[in-house]
Amino acid sequence: MASSFTSYFLPIVLVANIFNFQTSLCDTSADEIGAHSYVPEEVTRAAIAQSLQNANNNHAFIEAAKAAAKDKETQDLYAICDSSYGLLITVLQDAAQSLANKDYNGLENDLSKCPKFVSDCQNALGSKTTPEMLDRSRKQFDLIIMSKAAEGLIKK
């Protein structure tokens, strides 16, 4: 449990530190930004990596739930989630590549697409969702929000 707790909250702490750091920069020169260990690009990279890892874990969970579903309707609903999370993974991989290429417009565009894939899955499952799937969706949303927040701090 501690490992899960740490891996979940580490990106939150990093983003919080970036916000605090950015606020403290008001009185310092722009040359000092690169010397700080919490540069926005690195925090964004870490947040995207965490979001991608979580999306892969959720995708595996969804595939297992689809295989275990007893009725065709539930299997079909999980198939929608399977597709949504597959697309989310692809877009997060694209976002990571955009960041590596310093294509900040592409990065912003990629990250703006991500919440829709999680919402599509939640909406498809509707009343057939489980508490675990709700928790997984909330965590995915949180990680996407952290990625978007960190991306917003990158000087373009």
C-alpha atoms as a PDB file:
ATOM      1  CA  MET A   1       0.000   0.000   0.000  1.00  0.00           C
ATOM      2  CA  ALA A   2       2.794   2.437   0.836  1.00  0.00           C
ATOM      3  CA  SER A   3       4.349   1.913  -2.578  1.00  0.00           C
ATOM      4  CA  SER A   4       1.032   2.604  -4.301  1.00  0.00           C
ATOM      5  CA  PHE A   5       0.515   5.650  -2.100  1.00  0.00           C
ATOM      6  CA  THR A   6       3.986   6.984  -2.878  1.00  0.00           C
ATOM      7  CA  SER A   7       3.757   6.367  -6.620  1.00  0.00           C
ATOM      8  CA  TYR A   8       0.370   8.093  -6.740  1.00  0.00           C
ATOM      9  CA  PHE A   9       1.300  11.172  -4.729  1.00  0.00           C
ATOM     10  CA  LEU A  10       4.866  11.763  -5.965  1.00  0.00           C
ATOM     11  CA  PRO A  11       3.707  13.542  -9.144  1.00  0.00           C
ATOM     12  CA  ILE A  12       1.257  15.622  -7.078  1.00  0.00           C
ATOM     13  CA  VAL A  13       4.107  16.745  -4.832  1.00  0.00           C
ATOM     14  CA  LEU A  14       6.276  17.542  -7.857  1.00  0.00           C
ATOM     15  CA  VAL A  15       3.563  19.643  -9.468  1.00  0.00           C
ATOM     16  CA  ALA A  16       2.902  21.431  -6.173  1.00  0.00           C
ATOM     17  CA  ASN A  17       6.608  22.195  -5.908  1.00  0.00           C
ATOM     18  CA  ILE A  18       6.629  23.544  -9.465  1.00  0.00           C
ATOM     19  CA  PHE A  19       3.760  25.895  -8.638  1.00  0.00           C
ATOM     20  CA  ASN A  20       5.593  27.081  -5.524  1.00  0.00           C
ATOM     21  CA  PHE A  21       8.828  27.423  -7.461  1.00  0.00           C
ATOM     22  CA  GLN A  22       7.200  29.388 -10.286  1.00  0.00           C
ATOM     23  CA  THR A  23       5.659  31.746  -7.752  1.00  0.00           C
ATOM     24  CA  SER A  24       9.039  32.345  -6.119  1.00  0.00           C
ATOM     25  CA  LEU A  25      10.639  33.187  -9.482  1.00  0.00           C
ATOM     26  CA  CYS A  26       9.006  36.581  -9.604  1.00  0.00           C
ATOM     27  CA  ASP A  27      12.045  38.135  -7.921  1.00  0.00           C
ATOM     28  CA  THR A  28      14.801  36.219  -9.699  1.00  0.00           C
ATOM     29  CA  SER A  29      16.302  36.349 -13.140  1.00  0.00           C
ATOM     30  CA  ALA A  30      15.275  34.033 -15.962  1.00  0.00           C
ATOM     31  CA  ASP A  31      18.824  32.603 -16.061  1.00  0.00           C
ATOM     32  CA  GLU A  32      18.269  30.908 -12.703  1.00  0.00           C
ATOM     33  CA  ILE A  33      15.299  28.836 -13.921  1.00  0.00           C
ATOM     34  CA  GLY A  34      17.405  26.181 -15.632  1.00  0.00           C
ATOM     35  CA  ALA A  35      19.524  25.589 -12.546  1.00  0.00           C
ATOM     36  CA  HIS A  36      16.531  24.524 -10.437  1.00  0.00           C
ATOM     37  CA  SER A  37      15.845  20.795 -10.140  1.00  0.00           C
ATOM     38  CA  TYR A  38      12.104  21.231 -10.765  1.00  0.00           C
ATOM     39  CA  VAL A  39      12.174  22.433 -14.340  1.00  0.00           C
ATOM     40  CA  PRO A  40       8.714  22.301 -15.914  1.00  0.00           C
ATOM     41  CA  GLU A  41       9.778  20.021 -18.775  1.00  0.00           C
ATOM     42  CA  GLU A  42      11.012  17.345 -16.340  1.00  0.00           C
ATOM     43  CA  VAL A  43       7.920  17.561 -14.163  1.00  0.00           C
ATOM     44  CA  THR A  44       5.760  17.320 -17.283  1.00  0.00           C
ATOM     45  CA  ARG A  45       7.743  14.310 -18.479  1.00  0.00           C
ATOM     46  CA  ALA A  46       7.314  12.606 -15.080  1.00  0.00           C
ATOM     47  CA  ALA A  47       3.582  13.393 -14.970  1.00  0.00           C
ATOM     48  CA  ILE A  48       3.036  12.038 -18.495  1.00  0.00           C
ATOM     49  CA  ALA A  49       5.046   8.910 -17.671  1.00  0.00           C
ATOM     50  CA  GLN A  50       2.966   8.333 -14.534  1.00  0.00           C
ATOM     51  CA  SER A  51      -0.262   8.903 -16.464  1.00  0.00           C
ATOM     52  CA  LEU A  52       0.890   6.499 -19.192  1.00  0.00           C
ATOM     53  CA  GLN A  53       1.827   3.826 -16.660  1.00  0.00           C
ATOM     54  CA  ASN A  54      -1.560   4.183 -14.978  1.00  0.00           C
ATOM     55  CA  ALA A  55      -3.360   4.049 -18.345  1.00  0.00           C
ATOM     56  CA  ASN A  56      -1.522   0.813 -19.203  1.00  0.00           C
ATOM     57  CA  ASN A  57      -2.503  -0.671 -15.825  1.00  0.00           C
ATOM     58  CA  ASN A  58      -6.124   0.390 -16.365  1.00  0.00           C
ATOM     59  CA  HIS A  59      -6.084  -1.049 -19.871  1.00  0.00           C
ATOM     60  CA  ALA A  60      -4.941  -4.423 -18.522  1.00  0.00           C
ATOM     61  CA  PHE A  61      -7.650  -4.264 -15.828  1.00  0.00           C
ATOM     62  CA  ILE A  62     -10.298  -3.482 -18.458  1.00  0.00           C
ATOM     63  CA  GLU A  63      -9.162  -6.338 -20.702  1.00  0.00           C
ATOM     64  CA  ALA A  64      -9.428  -8.736 -17.748  1.00  0.00           C
ATOM     65  CA  ALA A  65     -12.864  -7.371 -16.787  1.00  0.00           C
ATOM     66  CA  LYS A  66     -14.056  -7.739 -20.387  1.00  0.00           C
ATOM     67  CA  ALA A  67     -12.860 -11.350 -20.474  1.00  0.00           C
ATOM     68  CA  ALA A  68     -14.540 -12.097 -17.137  1.00  0.00           C
ATOM     69  CA  ALA A  69     -17.866 -10.427 -17.988  1.00  0.00           C
ATOM     70  CA  LYS A  70     -20.750 -12.886 -17.879  1.00  0.00           C
ATOM     71  CA  ASP A  71     -23.030 -11.181 -20.395  1.00  0.00           C
ATOM     72  CA  LYS A  72     -22.564  -9.739 -23.875  1.00  0.00           C
ATOM     73  CA  GLU A  73     -23.768  -6.254 -22.885  1.00  0.00           C
ATOM     74  CA  THR A  74     -21.099  -5.900 -20.195  1.00  0.00           C
ATOM     75  CA  GLN A  75     -18.465  -7.299 -22.570  1.00  0.00           C
ATOM     76  CA  ASP A  76     -19.494  -4.702 -25.166  1.00  0.00           C
ATOM     77  CA  LEU A  77     -19.283  -1.883 -22.611  1.00  0.00           C
ATOM     78  CA  TYR A  78     -15.796  -2.972 -21.573  1.00  0.00           C
ATOM     79  CA  ALA A  79     -14.888  -3.193 -25.278  1.00  0.00           C
ATOM     80  CA  ILE A  80     -15.632   0.540 -25.522  1.00  0.00           C
ATOM     81  CA  CYS A  81     -13.354   1.133 -22.531  1.00  0.00           C
ATOM     82  CA  ASP A  82     -10.722  -1.107 -24.092  1.00  0.00           C
ATOM     83  CA  SER A  83     -10.780   1.057 -27.202  1.00  0.00           C
ATOM     84  CA  SER A  84     -10.840   4.323 -25.209  1.00  0.00           C
ATOM     85  CA  TYR A  85      -7.853   3.377 -23.077  1.00  0.00           C
ATOM     86  CA  GLY A  86      -5.999   2.082 -26.147  1.00  0.00           C
ATOM     87  CA  LEU A  87      -6.441   5.514 -27.719  1.00  0.00           C
ATOM     88  CA  LEU A  88      -5.470   7.235 -24.453  1.00  0.00           C
ATOM     89  CA  ILE A  89      -2.218   5.268 -24.372  1.00  0.00           C
ATOM     90  CA  THR A  90      -1.453   6.227 -27.975  1.00  0.00           C
ATOM     91  CA  VAL A  91      -2.129   9.919 -27.311  1.00  0.00           C
ATOM     92  CA  LEU A  92      -0.020   9.904 -24.130  1.00  0.00           C
ATOM     93  CA  GLN A  93       2.832   8.301 -26.090  1.00  0.00           C
ATOM     94  CA  ASP A  94       2.404  11.045 -28.694  1.00  0.00           C
ATOM     95  CA  ALA A  95       2.477  13.655 -25.905  1.00  0.00           C
ATOM     96  CA  ALA A  96       5.728  12.224 -24.547  1.00  0.00           C
ATOM     97  CA  GLN A  97       7.231  12.370 -28.050  1.00  0.00           C
ATOM     98  CA  SER A  98       5.982  15.939 -28.563  1.00  0.00           C
ATOM     99  CA  LEU A  99       7.640  16.941 -25.288  1.00  0.00           C
ATOM    100  CA  ALA A 100      10.906  15.244 -26.281  1.00  0.00           C
ATOM    101  CA  ASN A 101      10.796  17.118 -29.605  1.00  0.00           C
ATOM    102  CA  LYS A 102       9.949  20.395 -27.832  1.00  0.00           C
ATOM    103  CA  ASP A 103       6.756  20.529 -29.909  1.00  0.00           C
ATOM    104  CA  TYR A 104       4.772  22.346 -27.240  1.00  0.00           C
ATOM    105  CA  ASN A 105       1.761  22.977 -29.477  1.00  0.00           C
ATOM    106  CA  GLY A 106       1.568  19.248 -30.223  1.00  0.00           C
ATOM    107  CA  LEU A 107       2.007  18.484 -26.531  1.00  0.00           C
ATOM    108  CA  GLU A 108      -0.818  20.817 -25.536  1.00  0.00           C
ATOM    109  CA  ASN A 109      -3.033  19.379 -28.274  1.00  0.00           C
ATOM    110  CA  ASP A 110      -2.296  15.790 -27.220  1.00  0.00           C
ATOM    111  CA  LEU A 111      -2.963  16.418 -23.533  1.00  0.00           C
ATOM    112  CA  SER A 112      -6.208  18.248 -24.285  1.00  0.00           C
ATOM    113  CA  LYS A 113      -7.588  15.044 -25.883  1.00  0.00           C
ATOM    114  CA  CYS A 114      -6.879  12.770 -22.917  1.00  0.00           C
ATOM    115  CA  PRO A 115      -9.828  13.481 -20.570  1.00  0.00           C
ATOM    116  CA  LYS A 116     -12.316  12.542 -23.311  1.00  0.00           C
ATOM    117  CA  PHE A 117     -11.031   8.963 -23.489  1.00  0.00           C
ATOM    118  CA  VAL A 118     -11.483   8.462 -19.731  1.00  0.00           C
ATOM    119  CA  SER A 119     -14.934  10.092 -19.875  1.00  0.00           C
ATOM    120  CA  ASP A 120     -15.960   7.904 -22.808  1.00  0.00           C
ATOM    121  CA  CYS A 121     -15.203   4.806 -20.748  1.00  0.00           C
ATOM    122  CA  GLN A 122     -17.033   6.109 -17.674  1.00  0.00           C
ATOM    123  CA  ASN A 123     -20.048   7.104 -19.755  1.00  0.00           C
ATOM    124  CA  ALA A 124     -20.132   3.740 -21.530  1.00  0.00           C
ATOM    125  CA  LEU A 125     -20.088   1.768 -18.286  1.00  0.00           C
ATOM    126  CA  GLY A 126     -22.656   4.020 -16.608  1.00  0.00           C
ATOM    127  CA  SER A 127     -24.492   2.077 -13.909  1.00  0.00           C
ATOM    128  CA  LYS A 128     -22.504  -1.082 -14.716  1.00  0.00           C
ATOM    129  CA  THR A 129     -19.285   0.457 -13.423  1.00  0.00           C
ATOM    130  CA  THR A 130     -17.600  -0.853 -10.293  1.00  0.00           C
ATOM    131  CA  PRO A 131     -16.126   1.053  -7.348  1.00  0.00           C
ATOM    132  CA  GLU A 132     -12.655  -0.038  -8.454  1.00  0.00           C
ATOM    133  CA  MET A 133     -13.217   1.265 -11.983  1.00  0.00           C
ATOM    134  CA  LEU A 134     -14.476   4.571 -10.567  1.00  0.00           C
ATOM    135  CA  ASP A 135     -11.314   4.856  -8.463  1.00  0.00           C
ATOM    136  CA  ARG A 136      -9.154   4.019 -11.459  1.00  0.00           C
ATOM    137  CA  SER A 137     -10.919   6.666 -13.554  1.00  0.00           C
ATOM    138  CA  ARG A 138     -10.523   9.314 -10.848  1.00  0.00           C
ATOM    139  CA  LYS A 139      -6.827   8.561 -10.515  1.00  0.00           C
ATOM    140  CA  GLN A 140      -6.426   8.722 -14.304  1.00  0.00           C
ATOM    141  CA  PHE A 141      -8.178  12.093 -14.405  1.00  0.00           C
ATOM    142  CA  ASP A 142      -5.923  13.378 -11.595  1.00  0.00           C
ATOM    143  CA  LEU A 143      -2.787  12.291 -13.443  1.00  0.00           C
ATOM    144  CA  ILE A 144      -3.978  13.885 -16.684  1.00  0.00           C
ATOM    145  CA  ILE A 145      -4.743  17.118 -14.843  1.00  0.00           C
ATOM    146  CA  MET A 146      -1.249  17.063 -13.322  1.00  0.00           C
ATOM    147  CA  SER A 147       0.269  16.543 -16.771  1.00  0.00           C
ATOM    148  CA  LYS A 148      -1.744  19.443 -18.175  1.00  0.00           C
ATOM    149  CA  ALA A 149      -0.873  21.679 -15.209  1.00  0.00           C
ATOM    150  CA  ALA A 150       2.838  20.919 -15.540  1.00  0.00           C
ATOM    151  CA  GLU A 151       2.688  21.486 -19.307  1.00  0.00           C
ATOM    152  CA  GLY A 152       1.116  24.882 -18.674  1.00  0.00           C
ATOM    153  CA  LEU A 153       4.229  25.955 -16.755  1.00  0.00           C
ATOM    154  CA  ILE A 154       6.605  25.341 -19.653  1.00  0.00           C
ATOM    155  CA  LYS A 155       7.937  28.574 -21.099  1.00  0.00           C
ATOM    156  CA  LYS A 156       7.072  28.472 -24.775  1.00  0.00           C
END
